[in-house]
Amino acid sequence: MKKDAKFLGNTERYYFDGKCRASEGWCQFDTRQDASYFGQWTNPLTLEFISFCEGDYTHTQCEDEAEYTAYMQETIAFYEDSFMHIDVGISANRQDLIDKFESLALGKHTA
């Protein structure tokens, strides 16, 4: 697993809403904590996860599907009380994303 972390001052989560497009496989990792200063996105096709909190940015790249599934399960458990679902969006590849999460044993967490 590779992690890249940096501080992105004067940035809001909406920057990532535009960058992490559903048409490219990105899905929002929705929690009750989401706000202009906090958000998370995941891509089951490229096995990536992005977290943004008050300017702190972390990009995680998993090596394989098993590592990605384990990372996602740990992240869901960490946000136990505030995790809502993985939002696969309404793009043309919605069903492909749902199918991919199903194959990773994460399908029950999608909406």
Protein backbone atom coordinates (compact mmCIF):
# COMPACT_ATOMS: atom_id res chain seq x y z
CA MET A 1 0.00 0.00 0.00
CA LYS A 2 1.28 3.44 -0.91
CA LYS A 3 0.19 6.60 0.87
CA ASP A 4 0.81 10.16 -0.14
CA ALA A 5 -0.08 12.88 2.36
CA LYS A 6 0.17 16.63 2.10
CA PHE A 7 -1.50 19.81 3.24
CA LEU A 8 -3.65 21.66 0.73
CA GLY A 9 -4.39 25.03 2.27
CA ASN A 10 -7.34 27.07 1.01
CA THR A 11 -8.97 23.97 -0.50
CA GLU A 12 -12.46 22.65 0.14
CA ARG A 13 -13.89 19.20 -0.50
CA TYR A 14 -15.69 20.52 -3.57
CA TYR A 15 -12.37 20.52 -5.40
CA PHE A 16 -12.37 16.71 -5.09
CA ASP A 17 -16.03 16.43 -6.00
CA GLY A 18 -14.99 17.81 -9.38
CA LYS A 19 -11.76 15.83 -9.66
CA CYS A 20 -13.09 12.43 -8.50
CA ARG A 21 -15.63 11.77 -11.23
CA ALA A 22 -18.05 8.85 -11.20
CA SER A 23 -17.45 8.39 -14.93
CA GLU A 24 -13.85 7.47 -14.02
CA GLY A 25 -14.86 5.06 -11.25
CA TRP A 26 -14.77 7.42 -8.25
CA CYS A 27 -17.46 7.10 -5.60
CA GLN A 28 -18.10 9.21 -2.54
CA PHE A 29 -17.52 7.50 0.79
CA ASP A 30 -20.41 9.16 2.60
CA THR A 31 -20.41 9.81 6.33
CA ARG A 32 -22.47 12.01 8.60
CA GLN A 33 -19.32 14.10 9.08
CA ASP A 34 -19.18 15.30 5.45
CA ALA A 35 -18.84 19.06 5.19
CA SER A 36 -17.05 21.67 3.10
CA TYR A 37 -13.85 20.81 4.99
CA PHE A 38 -14.25 17.00 5.05
CA GLY A 39 -14.88 14.33 2.43
CA GLN A 40 -13.67 10.97 1.17
CA TRP A 41 -13.72 9.22 -2.19
CA THR A 42 -12.85 5.74 -3.37
CA ASN A 43 -12.27 4.05 -6.69
CA PRO A 44 -12.76 0.25 -6.83
CA LEU A 45 -11.40 0.10 -10.38
CA THR A 46 -8.02 1.66 -9.58
CA LEU A 47 -8.04 0.57 -5.89
CA GLU A 48 -7.59 4.11 -4.57
CA PHE A 49 -8.94 6.09 -1.63
CA ILE A 50 -8.75 9.85 -1.05
CA SER A 51 -9.38 11.52 2.28
CA PHE A 52 -9.61 15.29 2.78
CA CYS A 53 -10.00 16.87 6.21
CA GLU A 54 -9.40 20.54 6.98
CA GLY A 55 -6.68 20.81 4.34
CA ASP A 56 -5.04 17.46 5.12
CA TYR A 57 -5.04 15.29 2.00
CA THR A 58 -4.20 11.59 1.95
CA HIS A 59 -4.16 9.48 -1.19
CA THR A 60 -3.98 5.72 -0.65
CA GLN A 61 -3.16 3.31 -3.48
CA CYS A 62 -3.69 -0.37 -2.70
CA GLU A 63 -1.53 -3.02 -4.36
CA ASP A 64 -4.31 -5.53 -5.08
CA GLU A 65 -8.00 -6.21 -4.56
CA ALA A 66 -7.49 -8.09 -1.28
CA GLU A 67 -5.58 -5.16 0.20
CA TYR A 68 -8.23 -2.71 -1.07
CA THR A 69 -11.08 -4.76 0.41
CA ALA A 70 -9.29 -5.00 3.77
CA TYR A 71 -8.57 -1.24 3.73
CA MET A 72 -12.19 -0.43 2.92
CA GLN A 73 -13.49 -2.75 5.65
CA GLU A 74 -11.14 -1.12 8.19
CA THR A 75 -12.23 2.35 7.08
CA ILE A 76 -15.92 1.45 7.30
CA ALA A 77 -15.34 0.03 10.81
CA PHE A 78 -13.43 3.17 11.84
CA TYR A 79 -16.41 5.35 10.83
CA GLU A 80 -18.85 2.87 12.37
CA ASP A 81 -21.24 5.42 13.85
CA SER A 82 -21.09 7.95 11.04
CA PHE A 83 -20.57 5.81 7.90
CA MET A 84 -23.61 5.96 5.63
CA HIS A 85 -22.71 4.25 2.34
CA ILE A 86 -20.51 4.27 -0.72
CA ASP A 87 -22.33 6.47 -3.23
CA VAL A 88 -21.83 5.02 -6.72
CA GLY A 89 -23.54 8.03 -8.30
CA ILE A 90 -25.78 8.12 -11.35
CA SER A 91 -23.25 7.85 -14.16
CA ALA A 92 -23.50 5.50 -17.11
CA ASN A 93 -21.11 3.06 -15.39
CA ARG A 94 -23.18 2.87 -12.18
CA GLN A 95 -23.97 -0.84 -12.61
CA ASP A 96 -20.32 -1.63 -13.39
CA LEU A 97 -19.31 0.04 -10.11
CA ILE A 98 -21.98 -1.82 -8.15
CA ASP A 99 -20.83 -5.10 -9.72
CA LYS A 100 -17.19 -4.31 -8.87
CA PHE A 101 -18.04 -3.58 -5.23
CA GLU A 102 -20.06 -6.84 -5.16
CA SER A 103 -17.02 -8.77 -6.42
CA LEU A 104 -14.96 -7.19 -3.62
CA ALA A 105 -17.52 -8.25 -0.95
CA LEU A 106 -18.37 -4.57 -0.39
CA GLY A 107 -21.65 -4.44 -2.30
CA LYS A 108 -23.86 -4.23 0.78
CA HIS A 109 -22.26 -0.84 1.50
CA THR A 110 -23.24 0.80 -1.80
CA ALA A 111 -26.15 3.08 -2.56
